[in-house]
């Protein structure tokens, strides 16, 4: 039902838009890292939507690697990124991107998702948003790997 609503909401002019951004390695990488930073929290680095956020949405986001998404035109994908999908968790990103070029680079990357390599996915993990606990854990690992002695855990003081 959500797919039907999305289809009906897409202006017919969007279907014929062609991606003005060349499919170069640099543009694909820009799209991949932008996706990792802005989209992967719901869609996952691999586009599977197998994430805590994605799994908690209703309707569940589509697996971007599958035919239902891949058969959309570049213009339709661009329009969805820019305008979102009403009554779903997909927000409009037109006001959040510095330029429409960012959205077109995301279209390039979405097309590439079915061929995503392990190295690309590993690179993306470095660009996923991190919370304070993740940052603290990384700092401890870096310190340990660089020979620092781990600080003793502070004693907890309970007030009665």
C-alpha atoms as a PDB file:
ATOM      1  CA  UNK A   1       0.000   0.000   0.000  1.00  0.00           C
ATOM      2  CA  UNK A   2       2.865   2.379   0.843  1.00  0.00           C
ATOM      3  CA  UNK A   3       4.439   1.706  -2.568  1.00  0.00           C
ATOM      4  CA  UNK A   4       1.144   2.518  -4.270  1.00  0.00           C
ATOM      5  CA  UNK A   5       0.814   5.768  -2.281  1.00  0.00           C
ATOM      6  CA  UNK A   6       4.417   6.681  -3.119  1.00  0.00           C
ATOM      7  CA  UNK A   7       3.783   6.021  -6.801  1.00  0.00           C
ATOM      8  CA  UNK A   8       0.668   8.165  -6.822  1.00  0.00           C
ATOM      9  CA  UNK A   9       2.477  11.028  -5.033  1.00  0.00           C
ATOM     10  CA  UNK A  10       5.296  11.183  -7.584  1.00  0.00           C
ATOM     11  CA  UNK A  11       4.726  13.884 -10.186  1.00  0.00           C
ATOM     12  CA  UNK A  12       4.901  12.462 -13.703  1.00  0.00           C
ATOM     13  CA  UNK A  13       7.559  15.059 -14.607  1.00  0.00           C
ATOM     14  CA  UNK A  14       9.881  13.512 -11.994  1.00  0.00           C
ATOM     15  CA  UNK A  15       9.863  10.174 -13.805  1.00  0.00           C
ATOM     16  CA  UNK A  16      11.592  11.659 -16.850  1.00  0.00           C
ATOM     17  CA  UNK A  17      14.359  13.569 -15.039  1.00  0.00           C
ATOM     18  CA  UNK A  18      17.834  12.381 -16.036  1.00  0.00           C
ATOM     19  CA  UNK A  19      20.742  12.372 -13.591  1.00  0.00           C
ATOM     20  CA  UNK A  20      23.009  15.308 -14.546  1.00  0.00           C
ATOM     21  CA  UNK A  21      25.854  13.979 -12.364  1.00  0.00           C
ATOM     22  CA  UNK A  22      28.395  11.769 -14.149  1.00  0.00           C
ATOM     23  CA  UNK A  23      28.815   8.232 -12.818  1.00  0.00           C
ATOM     24  CA  UNK A  24      32.492   8.699 -11.889  1.00  0.00           C
ATOM     25  CA  UNK A  25      34.373   6.969  -9.048  1.00  0.00           C
ATOM     26  CA  UNK A  26      34.613  10.308  -7.210  1.00  0.00           C
ATOM     27  CA  UNK A  27      30.872  11.054  -7.486  1.00  0.00           C
ATOM     28  CA  UNK A  28      30.002   7.497  -6.473  1.00  0.00           C
ATOM     29  CA  UNK A  29      32.288   7.779  -3.425  1.00  0.00           C
ATOM     30  CA  UNK A  30      30.749  11.153  -2.488  1.00  0.00           C
ATOM     31  CA  UNK A  31      27.298   9.549  -2.687  1.00  0.00           C
ATOM     32  CA  UNK A  32      28.430   6.504  -0.709  1.00  0.00           C
ATOM     33  CA  UNK A  33      29.901   8.562   2.148  1.00  0.00           C
ATOM     34  CA  UNK A  34      26.907  10.919   2.192  1.00  0.00           C
ATOM     35  CA  UNK A  35      24.615   7.875   2.376  1.00  0.00           C
ATOM     36  CA  UNK A  36      26.697   6.463   5.268  1.00  0.00           C
ATOM     37  CA  UNK A  37      26.391   9.730   7.190  1.00  0.00           C
ATOM     38  CA  UNK A  38      22.754  10.629   6.460  1.00  0.00           C
ATOM     39  CA  UNK A  39      20.819   7.562   5.263  1.00  0.00           C
ATOM     40  CA  UNK A  40      22.381   4.430   6.749  1.00  0.00           C
ATOM     41  CA  UNK A  41      20.848   4.964  10.188  1.00  0.00           C
ATOM     42  CA  UNK A  42      17.533   3.763   8.700  1.00  0.00           C
ATOM     43  CA  UNK A  43      18.575   2.126   5.423  1.00  0.00           C
ATOM     44  CA  UNK A  44      21.790   0.391   6.570  1.00  0.00           C
ATOM     45  CA  UNK A  45      25.099   0.794   4.728  1.00  0.00           C
ATOM     46  CA  UNK A  46      24.074  -1.991   2.357  1.00  0.00           C
ATOM     47  CA  UNK A  47      20.561  -0.644   1.689  1.00  0.00           C
ATOM     48  CA  UNK A  48      18.883  -3.641   3.369  1.00  0.00           C
ATOM     49  CA  UNK A  49      17.105  -1.468   5.979  1.00  0.00           C
ATOM     50  CA  UNK A  50      18.103  -4.104   8.519  1.00  0.00           C
ATOM     51  CA  UNK A  51      18.779  -1.535  11.256  1.00  0.00           C
ATOM     52  CA  UNK A  52      17.239  -0.793  14.635  1.00  0.00           C
ATOM     53  CA  UNK A  53      15.759   2.449  13.251  1.00  0.00           C
ATOM     54  CA  UNK A  54      14.637   0.961   9.928  1.00  0.00           C
ATOM     55  CA  UNK A  55      13.099  -2.068  11.581  1.00  0.00           C
ATOM     56  CA  UNK A  56      11.131   0.120  13.959  1.00  0.00           C
ATOM     57  CA  UNK A  57       9.468   2.176  11.237  1.00  0.00           C
ATOM     58  CA  UNK A  58       6.024   1.494   9.859  1.00  0.00           C
ATOM     59  CA  UNK A  59       5.801   0.976   7.044  1.00  0.00           C
ATOM     60  CA  UNK A  60       9.253  -0.607   7.017  1.00  0.00           C
ATOM     61  CA  UNK A  61      11.606   1.083   4.523  1.00  0.00           C
ATOM     62  CA  UNK A  62      12.110  -0.919   1.316  1.00  0.00           C
ATOM     63  CA  UNK A  63      15.285  -2.885   0.667  1.00  0.00           C
ATOM     64  CA  UNK A  64      16.988  -0.454  -1.729  1.00  0.00           C
ATOM     65  CA  UNK A  65      18.871  -3.279  -3.478  1.00  0.00           C
ATOM     66  CA  UNK A  66      15.723  -5.000  -4.714  1.00  0.00           C
ATOM     67  CA  UNK A  67      13.879  -4.548  -7.998  1.00  0.00           C
ATOM     68  CA  UNK A  68      11.027  -2.472  -6.527  1.00  0.00           C
ATOM     69  CA  UNK A  69      13.514   0.336  -5.831  1.00  0.00           C
ATOM     70  CA  UNK A  70      16.034  -0.345  -8.593  1.00  0.00           C
ATOM     71  CA  UNK A  71      13.346  -0.182 -11.310  1.00  0.00           C
ATOM     72  CA  UNK A  72      12.402   3.384 -10.302  1.00  0.00           C
ATOM     73  CA  UNK A  73      13.762   6.015 -12.677  1.00  0.00           C
ATOM     74  CA  UNK A  74      16.642   8.253 -11.576  1.00  0.00           C
ATOM     75  CA  UNK A  75      14.168  11.132 -11.441  1.00  0.00           C
ATOM     76  CA  UNK A  76      11.825   9.193  -9.157  1.00  0.00           C
ATOM     77  CA  UNK A  77      14.652   8.329  -6.761  1.00  0.00           C
ATOM     78  CA  UNK A  78      15.797  11.966  -6.811  1.00  0.00           C
ATOM     79  CA  UNK A  79      12.261  13.207  -6.123  1.00  0.00           C
ATOM     80  CA  UNK A  80      11.856  10.808  -3.173  1.00  0.00           C
ATOM     81  CA  UNK A  81      15.185  11.930  -1.646  1.00  0.00           C
ATOM     82  CA  UNK A  82      14.323  15.597  -2.101  1.00  0.00           C
ATOM     83  CA  UNK A  83      10.657  15.453  -1.049  1.00  0.00           C
ATOM     84  CA  UNK A  84      10.342  12.420   1.210  1.00  0.00           C
ATOM     85  CA  UNK A  85       7.364  10.075   1.284  1.00  0.00           C
ATOM     86  CA  UNK A  86       4.337  11.219   3.242  1.00  0.00           C
ATOM     87  CA  UNK A  87       2.976   8.974   5.976  1.00  0.00           C
ATOM     88  CA  UNK A  88       6.285   7.072   6.194  1.00  0.00           C
ATOM     89  CA  UNK A  89       9.549   7.658   8.038  1.00  0.00           C
ATOM     90  CA  UNK A  90      11.203   9.025   4.872  1.00  0.00           C
ATOM     91  CA  UNK A  91      11.782  12.759   5.396  1.00  0.00           C
ATOM     92  CA  UNK A  92      12.387  15.369   2.713  1.00  0.00           C
ATOM     93  CA  UNK A  93      16.092  16.145   2.394  1.00  0.00           C
ATOM     94  CA  UNK A  94      15.909  19.087  -0.030  1.00  0.00           C
ATOM     95  CA  UNK A  95      16.490  21.596   2.767  1.00  0.00           C
ATOM     96  CA  UNK A  96      19.256  19.524   4.376  1.00  0.00           C
ATOM     97  CA  UNK A  97      21.481  19.017   1.335  1.00  0.00           C
ATOM     98  CA  UNK A  98      23.845  21.783   0.356  1.00  0.00           C
ATOM     99  CA  UNK A  99      22.839  21.286  -3.269  1.00  0.00           C
ATOM    100  CA  UNK A 100      20.702  19.092  -5.480  1.00  0.00           C
ATOM    101  CA  UNK A 101      23.961  17.547  -6.659  1.00  0.00           C
ATOM    102  CA  UNK A 102      24.168  15.722  -3.300  1.00  0.00           C
ATOM    103  CA  UNK A 103      20.806  14.062  -4.010  1.00  0.00           C
ATOM    104  CA  UNK A 104      21.850  13.106  -7.543  1.00  0.00           C
ATOM    105  CA  UNK A 105      25.041  11.526  -6.131  1.00  0.00           C
ATOM    106  CA  UNK A 106      22.835   9.530  -3.750  1.00  0.00           C
ATOM    107  CA  UNK A 107      20.882   8.296  -6.782  1.00  0.00           C
ATOM    108  CA  UNK A 108      24.190   7.071  -8.283  1.00  0.00           C
ATOM    109  CA  UNK A 109      24.984   5.260  -5.047  1.00  0.00           C
ATOM    110  CA  UNK A 110      21.519   3.693  -4.719  1.00  0.00           C
ATOM    111  CA  UNK A 111      21.995   2.271  -8.228  1.00  0.00           C
ATOM    112  CA  UNK A 112      25.326   0.824  -7.056  1.00  0.00           C
ATOM    113  CA  UNK A 113      23.960  -0.826  -3.869  1.00  0.00           C
ATOM    114  CA  UNK A 114      23.381  -4.277  -5.434  1.00  0.00           C
ATOM    115  CA  UNK A 115      27.132  -4.369  -6.289  1.00  0.00           C
ATOM    116  CA  UNK A 116      28.406  -2.884  -3.002  1.00  0.00           C
ATOM    117  CA  UNK A 117      31.787  -4.392  -2.094  1.00  0.00           C
ATOM    118  CA  UNK A 118      33.014  -5.363   1.361  1.00  0.00           C
ATOM    119  CA  UNK A 119      35.724  -2.670   1.177  1.00  0.00           C
ATOM    120  CA  UNK A 120      33.124  -0.008   0.348  1.00  0.00           C
ATOM    121  CA  UNK A 121      30.930  -1.114   3.248  1.00  0.00           C
ATOM    122  CA  UNK A 122      33.902  -1.041   5.651  1.00  0.00           C
ATOM    123  CA  UNK A 123      34.803   2.476   4.463  1.00  0.00           C
ATOM    124  CA  UNK A 124      31.201   3.564   5.055  1.00  0.00           C
ATOM    125  CA  UNK A 125      31.304   2.388   8.681  1.00  0.00           C
ATOM    126  CA  UNK A 126      33.843   5.137   9.409  1.00  0.00           C
ATOM    127  CA  UNK A 127      31.279   7.725   8.282  1.00  0.00           C
ATOM    128  CA  UNK A 128      28.243   6.394  10.152  1.00  0.00           C
ATOM    129  CA  UNK A 129      27.049   8.762  12.886  1.00  0.00           C
ATOM    130  CA  UNK A 130      28.364   7.822  16.297  1.00  0.00           C
ATOM    131  CA  UNK A 131      26.961   8.460  19.728  1.00  0.00           C
ATOM    132  CA  UNK A 132      29.024   9.452  22.786  1.00  0.00           C
ATOM    133  CA  UNK A 133      29.358   5.809  23.938  1.00  0.00           C
ATOM    134  CA  UNK A 134      30.702   4.764  20.508  1.00  0.00           C
ATOM    135  CA  UNK A 135      33.210   7.629  20.526  1.00  0.00           C
ATOM    136  CA  UNK A 136      34.393   6.771  24.056  1.00  0.00           C
ATOM    137  CA  UNK A 137      34.800   3.089  23.094  1.00  0.00           C
ATOM    138  CA  UNK A 138      36.833   4.045  19.980  1.00  0.00           C
ATOM    139  CA  UNK A 139      39.031   6.360  22.060  1.00  0.00           C
ATOM    140  CA  UNK A 140      39.738   3.553  24.557  1.00  0.00           C
ATOM    141  CA  UNK A 141      40.603   1.160  21.712  1.00  0.00           C
ATOM    142  CA  UNK A 142      42.892   3.742  20.065  1.00  0.00           C
ATOM    143  CA  UNK A 143      44.591   4.525  23.380  1.00  0.00           C
ATOM    144  CA  UNK A 144      45.112   0.822  24.083  1.00  0.00           C
ATOM    145  CA  UNK A 145      46.477   0.165  20.587  1.00  0.00           C
ATOM    146  CA  UNK A 146      48.826   3.131  20.996  1.00  0.00           C
ATOM    147  CA  UNK A 147      50.242   1.724  24.249  1.00  0.00           C
ATOM    148  CA  UNK A 148      48.321   3.772  26.797  1.00  0.00           C
ATOM    149  CA  UNK A 149      47.528   2.117  30.109  1.00  0.00           C
ATOM    150  CA  UNK A 150      43.781   1.880  30.583  1.00  0.00           C
ATOM    151  CA  UNK A 151      42.515   4.137  33.342  1.00  0.00           C
ATOM    152  CA  UNK A 152      41.012   2.302  36.296  1.00  0.00           C
ATOM    153  CA  UNK A 153      37.253   2.413  36.445  1.00  0.00           C
ATOM    154  CA  UNK A 154      36.077   4.998  38.927  1.00  0.00           C
ATOM    155  CA  UNK A 155      34.504   3.601  42.066  1.00  0.00           C
ATOM    156  CA  UNK A 156      30.836   4.209  42.190  1.00  0.00           C
ATOM    157  CA  UNK A 157      29.599   6.257  45.098  1.00  0.00           C
ATOM    158  CA  UNK A 158      26.056   5.528  46.119  1.00  0.00           C
ATOM    159  CA  UNK A 159      24.270   8.032  48.282  1.00  0.00           C
ATOM    160  CA  UNK A 160      21.702   6.589  50.611  1.00  0.00           C
END
